[in-house]
Amino acid sequence: LGLLRDPGYGEGWELKKKWYAEEGILPLEEGGGPRGALV
């Protein structure tokens, strides 16, 4: 996340992270998901 200081970029990342979760890709520190892990 190269532009996380930008509020708009941060909001977009939250939406993207939600999309990953809906696809079964969860944070690695939480054990990951059925379709993969996210860092």
PDB file of all heavy atoms in Angstrom:
ATOM      1  N   LEU A   1       0.849  -1.190   0.000  1.00  0.00           N
ATOM      2  CA  LEU A   1       0.000   0.000   0.000  1.00  0.00           C
ATOM      3  C   LEU A   1       0.882   1.237   0.000  1.00  0.00           C
ATOM      4  O   LEU A   1       1.257   1.767   1.041  1.00  0.00           O
ATOM      5  CB  LEU A   1      -0.917  -0.027   1.228  1.00  0.00           C
ATOM      6  CG  LEU A   1      -1.601  -1.379   1.496  1.00  0.00           C
ATOM      7  CD1 LEU A   1      -2.422  -1.309   2.764  1.00  0.00           C
ATOM      8  CD2 LEU A   1      -2.450  -1.797   0.313  1.00  0.00           C
ATOM      9  N   GLY A   2       1.215   1.711  -1.191  1.00  0.00           N
ATOM     10  CA  GLY A   2       2.171   2.793  -1.322  1.00  0.00           C
ATOM     11  C   GLY A   2       1.622   4.179  -1.050  1.00  0.00           C
ATOM     12  O   GLY A   2       2.387   5.121  -0.865  1.00  0.00           O
ATOM     13  N   LEU A   3       0.303   4.329  -1.041  1.00  0.00           N
ATOM     14  CA  LEU A   3      -0.296   5.660  -0.864  1.00  0.00           C
ATOM     15  C   LEU A   3      -1.280   5.690   0.297  1.00  0.00           C
ATOM     16  O   LEU A   3      -2.287   6.384   0.249  1.00  0.00           O
ATOM     17  CB  LEU A   3      -1.006   6.092  -2.162  1.00  0.00           C
ATOM     18  CG  LEU A   3      -0.130   6.222  -3.409  1.00  0.00           C
ATOM     19  CD1 LEU A   3      -1.001   6.491  -4.629  1.00  0.00           C
ATOM     20  CD2 LEU A   3       0.887   7.340  -3.239  1.00  0.00           C
ATOM     21  N   LEU A   4      -0.986   4.938   1.338  1.00  0.00           N
ATOM     22  CA  LEU A   4      -1.944   4.792   2.422  1.00  0.00           C
ATOM     23  C   LEU A   4      -2.155   6.084   3.201  1.00  0.00           C
ATOM     24  O   LEU A   4      -3.126   6.216   3.947  1.00  0.00           O
ATOM     25  CB  LEU A   4      -1.492   3.675   3.364  1.00  0.00           C
ATOM     26  CG  LEU A   4      -2.588   2.993   4.198  1.00  0.00           C
ATOM     27  CD1 LEU A   4      -3.723   2.500   3.313  1.00  0.00           C
ATOM     28  CD2 LEU A   4      -2.003   1.849   5.014  1.00  0.00           C
ATOM     29  N   ARG A   5      -1.259   7.058   3.020  1.00  0.00           N
ATOM     30  CA  ARG A   5      -1.472   8.353   3.678  1.00  0.00           C
ATOM     31  C   ARG A   5      -2.653   9.100   3.083  1.00  0.00           C
ATOM     32  O   ARG A   5      -3.217   9.996   3.707  1.00  0.00           O
ATOM     33  CB  ARG A   5      -0.212   9.216   3.537  1.00  0.00           C
ATOM     34  CG  ARG A   5       1.012   8.677   4.261  1.00  0.00           C
ATOM     35  CD  ARG A   5       2.186   9.632   4.127  1.00  0.00           C
ATOM     36  NE  ARG A   5       3.392   9.113   4.760  1.00  0.00           N
ATOM     37  CZ  ARG A   5       4.265   8.351   4.130  1.00  0.00           C
ATOM     38  NH1 ARG A   5       4.060   8.018   2.873  1.00  0.00           N
ATOM     39  NH2 ARG A   5       5.348   7.920   4.759  1.00  0.00           N
ATOM     40  N   ASP A   6      -3.027   8.761   1.856  1.00  0.00           N
ATOM     41  CA  ASP A   6      -4.148   9.396   1.172  1.00  0.00           C
ATOM     42  C   ASP A   6      -5.454   8.787   1.700  1.00  0.00           C
ATOM     43  O   ASP A   6      -5.656   7.575   1.581  1.00  0.00           O
ATOM     44  CB  ASP A   6      -4.026   9.165  -0.334  1.00  0.00           C
ATOM     45  CG  ASP A   6      -5.100   9.884  -1.134  1.00  0.00           C
ATOM     46  OD1 ASP A   6      -6.219  10.060  -0.611  1.00  0.00           O
ATOM     47  OD2 ASP A   6      -4.837  10.256  -2.287  1.00  0.00           O
ATOM     48  N   PRO A   7      -6.359   9.593   2.287  1.00  0.00           N
ATOM     49  CA  PRO A   7      -7.609   9.040   2.840  1.00  0.00           C
ATOM     50  C   PRO A   7      -8.428   8.266   1.804  1.00  0.00           C
ATOM     51  O   PRO A   7      -8.994   7.216   2.111  1.00  0.00           O
ATOM     52  CB  PRO A   7      -8.356  10.285   3.329  1.00  0.00           C
ATOM     53  CG  PRO A   7      -7.285  11.295   3.579  1.00  0.00           C
ATOM     54  CD  PRO A   7      -6.234  11.038   2.538  1.00  0.00           C
ATOM     55  N   GLY A   8      -8.485   8.787   0.577  1.00  0.00           N
ATOM     56  CA  GLY A   8      -9.245   8.090  -0.462  1.00  0.00           C
ATOM     57  C   GLY A   8      -8.654   6.730  -0.777  1.00  0.00           C
ATOM     58  O   GLY A   8      -9.375   5.752  -0.995  1.00  0.00           O
ATOM     59  N   TYR A   9      -7.333   6.662  -0.798  1.00  0.00           N
ATOM     60  CA  TYR A   9      -6.648   5.392  -1.041  1.00  0.00           C
ATOM     61  C   TYR A   9      -6.941   4.411   0.094  1.00  0.00           C
ATOM     62  O   TYR A   9      -7.184   3.222  -0.135  1.00  0.00           O
ATOM     63  CB  TYR A   9      -5.147   5.651  -1.163  1.00  0.00           C
ATOM     64  CG  TYR A   9      -4.301   4.451  -1.530  1.00  0.00           C
ATOM     65  CD1 TYR A   9      -3.968   4.196  -2.850  1.00  0.00           C
ATOM     66  CD2 TYR A   9      -3.814   3.584  -0.542  1.00  0.00           C
ATOM     67  CE1 TYR A   9      -3.180   3.104  -3.185  1.00  0.00           C
ATOM     68  CE2 TYR A   9      -3.028   2.495  -0.864  1.00  0.00           C
ATOM     69  CZ  TYR A   9      -2.700   2.261  -2.188  1.00  0.00           C
ATOM     70  OH  TYR A   9      -1.924   1.181  -2.516  1.00  0.00           O
ATOM     71  N   GLY A  10      -6.932   4.931   1.334  1.00  0.00           N
ATOM     72  CA  GLY A  10      -7.222   4.081   2.474  1.00  0.00           C
ATOM     73  C   GLY A  10      -8.629   3.515   2.435  1.00  0.00           C
ATOM     74  O   GLY A  10      -8.853   2.345   2.757  1.00  0.00           O
ATOM     75  N   GLU A  11      -9.592   4.331   2.023  1.00  0.00           N
ATOM     76  CA  GLU A  11     -10.966   3.851   1.893  1.00  0.00           C
ATOM     77  C   GLU A  11     -11.065   2.775   0.826  1.00  0.00           C
ATOM     78  O   GLU A  11     -11.772   1.775   0.979  1.00  0.00           O
ATOM     79  CB  GLU A  11     -11.885   5.026   1.558  1.00  0.00           C
ATOM     80  CG  GLU A  11     -12.027   6.041   2.690  1.00  0.00           C
ATOM     81  CD  GLU A  11     -12.792   7.279   2.265  1.00  0.00           C
ATOM     82  OE1 GLU A  11     -13.263   7.299   1.096  1.00  0.00           O
ATOM     83  OE2 GLU A  11     -12.927   8.220   3.070  1.00  0.00           O
ATOM     84  N   GLY A  12     -10.345   2.972  -0.271  1.00  0.00           N
ATOM     85  CA  GLY A  12     -10.340   1.968  -1.330  1.00  0.00           C
ATOM     86  C   GLY A  12      -9.736   0.659  -0.865  1.00  0.00           C
ATOM     87  O   GLY A  12     -10.210  -0.421  -1.247  1.00  0.00           O
ATOM     88  N   TRP A  13      -8.700   0.742  -0.029  1.00  0.00           N
ATOM     89  CA  TRP A  13      -8.082  -0.468   0.494  1.00  0.00           C
ATOM     90  C   TRP A  13      -9.044  -1.228   1.400  1.00  0.00           C
ATOM     91  O   TRP A  13      -9.117  -2.458   1.357  1.00  0.00           O
ATOM     92  CB  TRP A  13      -6.802  -0.126   1.247  1.00  0.00           C
ATOM     93  CG  TRP A  13      -6.289  -1.232   2.105  1.00  0.00           C
ATOM     94  CD1 TRP A  13      -6.087  -1.216   3.454  1.00  0.00           C
ATOM     95  CD2 TRP A  13      -5.941  -2.566   1.681  1.00  0.00           C
ATOM     96  NE1 TRP A  13      -5.632  -2.427   3.907  1.00  0.00           N
ATOM     97  CE2 TRP A  13      -5.528  -3.278   2.836  1.00  0.00           C
ATOM     98  CE3 TRP A  13      -5.932  -3.221   0.450  1.00  0.00           C
ATOM     99  CZ2 TRP A  13      -5.111  -4.606   2.788  1.00  0.00           C
ATOM    100  CZ3 TRP A  13      -5.522  -4.551   0.398  1.00  0.00           C
ATOM    101  CH2 TRP A  13      -5.115  -5.238   1.547  1.00  0.00           C
ATOM    102  N   GLU A  14      -9.808  -0.516   2.214  1.00  0.00           N
ATOM    103  CA  GLU A  14     -10.778  -1.182   3.074  1.00  0.00           C
ATOM    104  C   GLU A  14     -11.816  -1.934   2.245  1.00  0.00           C
ATOM    105  O   GLU A  14     -12.221  -3.048   2.587  1.00  0.00           O
ATOM    106  CB  GLU A  14     -11.458  -0.171   3.995  1.00  0.00           C
ATOM    107  CG  GLU A  14     -10.553   0.409   5.074  1.00  0.00           C
ATOM    108  CD  GLU A  14      -9.999  -0.667   5.996  1.00  0.00           C
ATOM    109  OE1 GLU A  14     -10.756  -1.591   6.347  1.00  0.00           O
ATOM    110  OE2 GLU A  14      -8.812  -0.571   6.346  1.00  0.00           O
ATOM    111  N   LEU A  15     -12.253  -1.333   1.138  1.00  0.00           N
ATOM    112  CA  LEU A  15     -13.212  -2.011   0.254  1.00  0.00           C
ATOM    113  C   LEU A  15     -12.578  -3.230  -0.400  1.00  0.00           C
ATOM    114  O   LEU A  15     -13.217  -4.282  -0.553  1.00  0.00           O
ATOM    115  CB  LEU A  15     -13.715  -1.027  -0.806  1.00  0.00           C
ATOM    116  CG  LEU A  15     -14.605   0.114  -0.309  1.00  0.00           C
ATOM    117  CD1 LEU A  15     -14.911   1.079  -1.453  1.00  0.00           C
ATOM    118  CD2 LEU A  15     -15.905  -0.428   0.281  1.00  0.00           C
ATOM    119  N   LYS A  16     -11.314  -3.096  -0.791  1.00  0.00           N
ATOM    120  CA  LYS A  16     -10.624  -4.214  -1.430  1.00  0.00           C
ATOM    121  C   LYS A  16     -10.413  -5.347  -0.440  1.00  0.00           C
ATOM    122  O   LYS A  16     -10.575  -6.528  -0.781  1.00  0.00           O
ATOM    123  CB  LYS A  16      -9.285  -3.740  -1.984  1.00  0.00           C
ATOM    124  CG  LYS A  16      -8.577  -4.762  -2.872  1.00  0.00           C
ATOM    125  CD  LYS A  16      -7.343  -4.152  -3.517  1.00  0.00           C
ATOM    126  CE  LYS A  16      -6.702  -5.123  -4.495  1.00  0.00           C
ATOM    127  NZ  LYS A  16      -5.513  -4.531  -5.157  1.00  0.00           N
ATOM    128  N   LYS A  17     -10.078  -5.010   0.798  1.00  0.00           N
ATOM    129  CA  LYS A  17      -9.881  -6.030   1.825  1.00  0.00           C
ATOM    130  C   LYS A  17     -11.202  -6.758   2.107  1.00  0.00           C
ATOM    131  O   LYS A  17     -11.215  -7.986   2.325  1.00  0.00           O
ATOM    132  CB  LYS A  17      -9.331  -5.375   3.092  1.00  0.00           C
ATOM    133  CG  LYS A  17      -8.825  -6.354   4.119  1.00  0.00           C
ATOM    134  CD  LYS A  17      -7.955  -5.681   5.161  1.00  0.00           C
ATOM    135  CE  LYS A  17      -8.645  -4.571   5.873  1.00  0.00           C
ATOM    136  NZ  LYS A  17      -7.851  -4.034   6.996  1.00  0.00           N
ATOM    137  N   LYS A  18     -12.299  -6.018   2.083  1.00  0.00           N
ATOM    138  CA  LYS A  18     -13.614  -6.633   2.266  1.00  0.00           C
ATOM    139  C   LYS A  18     -13.914  -7.583   1.116  1.00  0.00           C
ATOM    140  O   LYS A  18     -14.461  -8.671   1.327  1.00  0.00           O
ATOM    141  CB  LYS A  18     -14.690  -5.548   2.353  1.00  0.00           C
ATOM    142  CG  LYS A  18     -16.087  -6.078   2.560  1.00  0.00           C
ATOM    143  CD  LYS A  18     -17.103  -4.943   2.627  1.00  0.00           C
ATOM    144  CE  LYS A  18     -18.519  -5.480   2.805  1.00  0.00           C
ATOM    145  NZ  LYS A  18     -19.524  -4.377   2.836  1.00  0.00           N
ATOM    146  N   TRP A  19     -13.537  -7.188  -0.103  1.00  0.00           N
ATOM    147  CA  TRP A  19     -13.738  -8.060  -1.273  1.00  0.00           C
ATOM    148  C   TRP A  19     -12.947  -9.341  -1.115  1.00  0.00           C
ATOM    149  O   TRP A  19     -13.449 -10.442  -1.387  1.00  0.00           O
ATOM    150  CB  TRP A  19     -13.320  -7.323  -2.535  1.00  0.00           C
ATOM    151  CG  TRP A  19     -13.495  -8.113  -3.803  1.00  0.00           C
ATOM    152  CD1 TRP A  19     -14.617  -8.194  -4.581  1.00  0.00           C
ATOM    153  CD2 TRP A  19     -12.511  -8.937  -4.447  1.00  0.00           C
ATOM    154  NE1 TRP A  19     -14.394  -9.024  -5.664  1.00  0.00           N
ATOM    155  CE2 TRP A  19     -13.111  -9.485  -5.610  1.00  0.00           C
ATOM    156  CE3 TRP A  19     -11.193  -9.263  -4.161  1.00  0.00           C
ATOM    157  CZ2 TRP A  19     -12.432 -10.335  -6.475  1.00  0.00           C
ATOM    158  CZ3 TRP A  19     -10.511 -10.118  -5.017  1.00  0.00           C
ATOM    159  CH2 TRP A  19     -11.126 -10.645  -6.154  1.00  0.00           C
ATOM    160  N   TYR A  20     -11.696  -9.227  -0.665  1.00  0.00           N
ATOM    161  CA  TYR A  20     -10.886 -10.420  -0.434  1.00  0.00           C
ATOM    162  C   TYR A  20     -11.578 -11.347   0.561  1.00  0.00           C
ATOM    163  O   TYR A  20     -11.644 -12.569   0.359  1.00  0.00           O
ATOM    164  CB  TYR A  20      -9.518 -10.026   0.119  1.00  0.00           C
ATOM    165  CG  TYR A  20      -8.469  -9.709  -0.929  1.00  0.00           C
ATOM    166  CD1 TYR A  20      -7.843  -8.467  -0.971  1.00  0.00           C
ATOM    167  CD2 TYR A  20      -8.075 -10.669  -1.860  1.00  0.00           C
ATOM    168  CE1 TYR A  20      -6.865  -8.181  -1.914  1.00  0.00           C
ATOM    169  CE2 TYR A  20      -7.103 -10.402  -2.810  1.00  0.00           C
ATOM    170  CZ  TYR A  20      -6.501  -9.150  -2.830  1.00  0.00           C
ATOM    171  OH  TYR A  20      -5.540  -8.877  -3.768  1.00  0.00           O
ATOM    172  N   ALA A  21     -12.101 -10.773   1.651  1.00  0.00           N
ATOM    173  CA  ALA A  21     -12.749 -11.594   2.677  1.00  0.00           C
ATOM    174  C   ALA A  21     -13.966 -12.317   2.112  1.00  0.00           C
ATOM    175  O   ALA A  21     -14.200 -13.496   2.412  1.00  0.00           O
ATOM    176  CB  ALA A  21     -13.152 -10.720   3.865  1.00  0.00           C
ATOM    177  N   GLU A  22     -14.735 -11.615   1.281  1.00  0.00           N
ATOM    178  CA  GLU A  22     -15.913 -12.236   0.674  1.00  0.00           C
ATOM    179  C   GLU A  22     -15.531 -13.356  -0.284  1.00  0.00           C
ATOM    180  O   GLU A  22     -16.332 -14.259  -0.538  1.00  0.00           O
ATOM    181  CB  GLU A  22     -16.730 -11.170  -0.059  1.00  0.00           C
ATOM    182  CG  GLU A  22     -17.393 -10.158   0.876  1.00  0.00           C
ATOM    183  CD  GLU A  22     -18.029  -9.005   0.134  1.00  0.00           C
ATOM    184  OE1 GLU A  22     -17.758  -8.860  -1.085  1.00  0.00           O
ATOM    185  OE2 GLU A  22     -18.782  -8.231   0.767  1.00  0.00           O
ATOM    186  N   GLU A  23     -14.299 -13.302  -0.798  1.00  0.00           N
ATOM    187  CA  GLU A  23     -13.821 -14.346  -1.701  1.00  0.00           C
ATOM    188  C   GLU A  23     -13.132 -15.486  -0.965  1.00  0.00           C
ATOM    189  O   GLU A  23     -12.582 -16.398  -1.583  1.00  0.00           O
ATOM    190  CB  GLU A  23     -12.842 -13.740  -2.719  1.00  0.00           C
ATOM    191  CG  GLU A  23     -13.472 -12.745  -3.674  1.00  0.00           C
ATOM    192  CD  GLU A  23     -14.561 -13.368  -4.530  1.00  0.00           C
ATOM    193  OE1 GLU A  23     -14.394 -14.548  -4.926  1.00  0.00           O
ATOM    194  OE2 GLU A  23     -15.566 -12.703  -4.790  1.00  0.00           O
ATOM    195  N   GLY A  24     -13.137 -15.419   0.382  1.00  0.00           N
ATOM    196  CA  GLY A  24     -12.514 -16.483   1.162  1.00  0.00           C
ATOM    197  C   GLY A  24     -11.024 -16.313   1.315  1.00  0.00           C
ATOM    198  O   GLY A  24     -10.303 -17.282   1.595  1.00  0.00           O
ATOM    199  N   ILE A  25     -10.523 -15.089   1.152  1.00  0.00           N
ATOM    200  CA  ILE A  25      -9.098 -14.790   1.329  1.00  0.00           C
ATOM    201  C   ILE A  25      -8.980 -13.877   2.539  1.00  0.00           C
ATOM    202  O   ILE A  25      -9.350 -12.701   2.490  1.00  0.00           O
ATOM    203  CB  ILE A  25      -8.516 -14.111   0.069  1.00  0.00           C
ATOM    204  CG1 ILE A  25      -8.706 -15.024  -1.154  1.00  0.00           C
ATOM    205  CG2 ILE A  25      -7.040 -13.767   0.265  1.00  0.00           C
ATOM    206  CD1 ILE A  25      -8.394 -14.344  -2.472  1.00  0.00           C
ATOM    207  N   LEU A  26      -8.477 -14.433   3.651  1.00  0.00           N
ATOM    208  CA  LEU A  26      -8.461 -13.725   4.923  1.00  0.00           C
ATOM    209  C   LEU A  26      -7.025 -13.430   5.352  1.00  0.00           C
ATOM    210  O   LEU A  26      -6.077 -14.055   4.866  1.00  0.00           O
ATOM    211  CB  LEU A  26      -9.166 -14.565   5.989  1.00  0.00           C
ATOM    212  CG  LEU A  26     -10.630 -14.929   5.672  1.00  0.00           C
ATOM    213  CD1 LEU A  26     -11.185 -15.872   6.737  1.00  0.00           C
ATOM    214  CD2 LEU A  26     -11.488 -13.685   5.558  1.00  0.00           C
ATOM    215  N   PRO A  27      -6.847 -12.471   6.276  1.00  0.00           N
ATOM    216  CA  PRO A  27      -5.491 -12.134   6.731  1.00  0.00           C
ATOM    217  C   PRO A  27      -4.725 -13.348   7.239  1.00  0.00           C
ATOM    218  O   PRO A  27      -5.277 -14.208   7.927  1.00  0.00           O
ATOM    219  CB  PRO A  27      -5.743 -11.120   7.846  1.00  0.00           C
ATOM    220  CG  PRO A  27      -7.048 -10.475   7.480  1.00  0.00           C
ATOM    221  CD  PRO A  27      -7.871 -11.586   6.881  1.00  0.00           C
ATOM    222  N   LEU A  28      -3.463 -13.409   6.892  1.00  0.00           N
ATOM    223  CA  LEU A  28      -2.624 -14.530   7.294  1.00  0.00           C
ATOM    224  C   LEU A  28      -2.520 -14.633   8.812  1.00  0.00           C
ATOM    225  O   LEU A  28      -2.526 -15.733   9.370  1.00  0.00           O
ATOM    226  CB  LEU A  28      -1.228 -14.368   6.683  1.00  0.00           C
ATOM    227  CG  LEU A  28      -0.204 -15.454   7.014  1.00  0.00           C
ATOM    228  CD1 LEU A  28      -0.631 -16.795   6.427  1.00  0.00           C
ATOM    229  CD2 LEU A  28       1.176 -15.072   6.501  1.00  0.00           C
ATOM    230  N   GLU A  29      -2.451 -13.471   9.502  1.00  0.00           N
ATOM    231  CA  GLU A  29      -2.314 -13.500  10.953  1.00  0.00           C
ATOM    232  C   GLU A  29      -3.561 -14.036  11.636  1.00  0.00           C
ATOM    233  O   GLU A  29      -3.537 -14.354  12.826  1.00  0.00           O
ATOM    234  CB  GLU A  29      -1.982 -12.103  11.474  1.00  0.00           C
ATOM    235  CG  GLU A  29      -3.028 -11.057  11.158  1.00  0.00           C
ATOM    236  CD  GLU A  29      -2.575  -9.652  11.539  1.00  0.00           C
ATOM    237  OE1 GLU A  29      -1.385  -9.452  11.802  1.00  0.00           O
ATOM    238  OE2 GLU A  29      -3.447  -8.777  11.567  1.00  0.00           O
ATOM    239  N   GLU A  30      -4.666 -14.162  10.876  1.00  0.00           N
ATOM    240  CA  GLU A  30      -5.885 -14.764  11.405  1.00  0.00           C
ATOM    241  C   GLU A  30      -6.041 -16.213  10.931  1.00  0.00           C
ATOM    242  O   GLU A  30      -7.089 -16.819  11.118  1.00  0.00           O
ATOM    243  CB  GLU A  30      -7.106 -13.941  10.993  1.00  0.00           C
ATOM    244  CG  GLU A  30      -7.098 -12.519  11.552  1.00  0.00           C
ATOM    245  CD  GLU A  30      -8.261 -11.685  11.044  1.00  0.00           C
ATOM    246  OE1 GLU A  30      -9.140 -12.251  10.357  1.00  0.00           O
ATOM    247  OE2 GLU A  30      -8.288 -10.474  11.319  1.00  0.00           O
ATOM    248  N   GLY A  31      -5.016 -16.724  10.284  1.00  0.00           N
ATOM    249  CA  GLY A  31      -5.049 -18.112   9.829  1.00  0.00           C
ATOM    250  C   GLY A  31      -5.362 -18.289   8.360  1.00  0.00           C
ATOM    251  O   GLY A  31      -5.382 -19.409   7.860  1.00  0.00           O
ATOM    252  N   GLY A  32      -5.646 -17.176   7.650  1.00  0.00           N
ATOM    253  CA  GLY A  32      -5.981 -17.290   6.236  1.00  0.00           C
ATOM    254  C   GLY A  32      -7.401 -17.779   6.022  1.00  0.00           C
ATOM    255  O   GLY A  32      -8.174 -17.928   6.974  1.00  0.00           O
ATOM    256  N   GLY A  33      -7.750 -18.021   4.764  1.00  0.00           N
ATOM    257  CA  GLY A  33      -9.091 -18.485   4.425  1.00  0.00           C
ATOM    258  C   GLY A  33      -9.037 -19.649   3.467  1.00  0.00           C
ATOM    259  O   GLY A  33      -7.953 -20.098   3.070  1.00  0.00           O
ATOM    260  N   PRO A  34     -10.196 -20.153   3.040  1.00  0.00           N
ATOM    261  CA  PRO A  34     -10.230 -21.327   2.160  1.00  0.00           C
ATOM    262  C   PRO A  34      -9.617 -21.079   0.783  1.00  0.00           C
ATOM    263  O   PRO A  34      -9.170 -22.009   0.125  1.00  0.00           O
ATOM    264  CB  PRO A  34     -11.730 -21.646   2.054  1.00  0.00           C
ATOM    265  CG  PRO A  34     -12.430 -20.372   2.421  1.00  0.00           C
ATOM    266  CD  PRO A  34     -11.556 -19.710   3.436  1.00  0.00           C
ATOM    267  N   ARG A  35      -9.589 -19.803   0.334  1.00  0.00           N
ATOM    268  CA  ARG A  35      -9.015 -19.517  -0.986  1.00  0.00           C
ATOM    269  C   ARG A  35      -7.645 -18.855  -0.903  1.00  0.00           C
ATOM    270  O   ARG A  35      -7.072 -18.500  -1.922  1.00  0.00           O
ATOM    271  CB  ARG A  35      -9.952 -18.618  -1.800  1.00  0.00           C
ATOM    272  CG  ARG A  35     -11.211 -19.293  -2.289  1.00  0.00           C
ATOM    273  CD  ARG A  35     -11.910 -18.419  -3.314  1.00  0.00           C
ATOM    274  NE  ARG A  35     -11.106 -18.227  -4.517  1.00  0.00           N
ATOM    275  CZ  ARG A  35     -11.384 -17.341  -5.479  1.00  0.00           C
ATOM    276  NH1 ARG A  35     -12.433 -16.543  -5.349  1.00  0.00           N
ATOM    277  NH2 ARG A  35     -10.634 -17.234  -6.549  1.00  0.00           N
ATOM    278  N   GLY A  36      -7.116 -18.709   0.299  1.00  0.00           N
ATOM    279  CA  GLY A  36      -5.792 -18.126   0.411  1.00  0.00           C
ATOM    280  C   GLY A  36      -5.670 -17.190   1.588  1.00  0.00           C
ATOM    281  O   GLY A  36      -6.635 -16.925   2.315  1.00  0.00           O
ATOM    282  N   ALA A  37      -4.463 -16.690   1.771  1.00  0.00           N
ATOM    283  CA  ALA A  37      -4.170 -15.772   2.872  1.00  0.00           C
ATOM    284  C   ALA A  37      -3.711 -14.434   2.304  1.00  0.00           C
ATOM    285  O   ALA A  37      -3.162 -14.362   1.205  1.00  0.00           O
ATOM    286  CB  ALA A  37      -3.098 -16.366   3.780  1.00  0.00           C
ATOM    287  N   LEU A  38      -3.934 -13.382   3.074  1.00  0.00           N
ATOM    288  CA  LEU A  38      -3.621 -12.020   2.635  1.00  0.00           C
ATOM    289  C   LEU A  38      -2.651 -11.369   3.602  1.00  0.00           C
ATOM    290  O   LEU A  38      -2.843 -11.401   4.813  1.00  0.00           O
ATOM    291  CB  LEU A  38      -4.907 -11.193   2.562  1.00  0.00           C
ATOM    292  CG  LEU A  38      -4.776  -9.716   2.191  1.00  0.00           C
ATOM    293  CD1 LEU A  38      -4.300  -9.566   0.752  1.00  0.00           C
ATOM    294  CD2 LEU A  38      -6.113  -8.994   2.383  1.00  0.00           C
ATOM    295  N   VAL A  39      -1.575 -10.771   3.056  1.00  0.00           N
ATOM    296  CA  VAL A  39      -0.669  -9.945   3.856  1.00  0.00           C
ATOM    297  C   VAL A  39      -0.512  -8.614   3.135  1.00  0.00           C
ATOM    298  O   VAL A  39      -0.743  -8.512   1.932  1.00  0.00           O
ATOM    299  CB  VAL A  39       0.715 -10.612   4.047  1.00  0.00           C
ATOM    300  CG1 VAL A  39       0.584 -11.926   4.793  1.00  0.00           C
ATOM    301  CG2 VAL A  39       1.425 -10.806   2.717  1.00  0.00           C
TER     302      VAL A  39
END
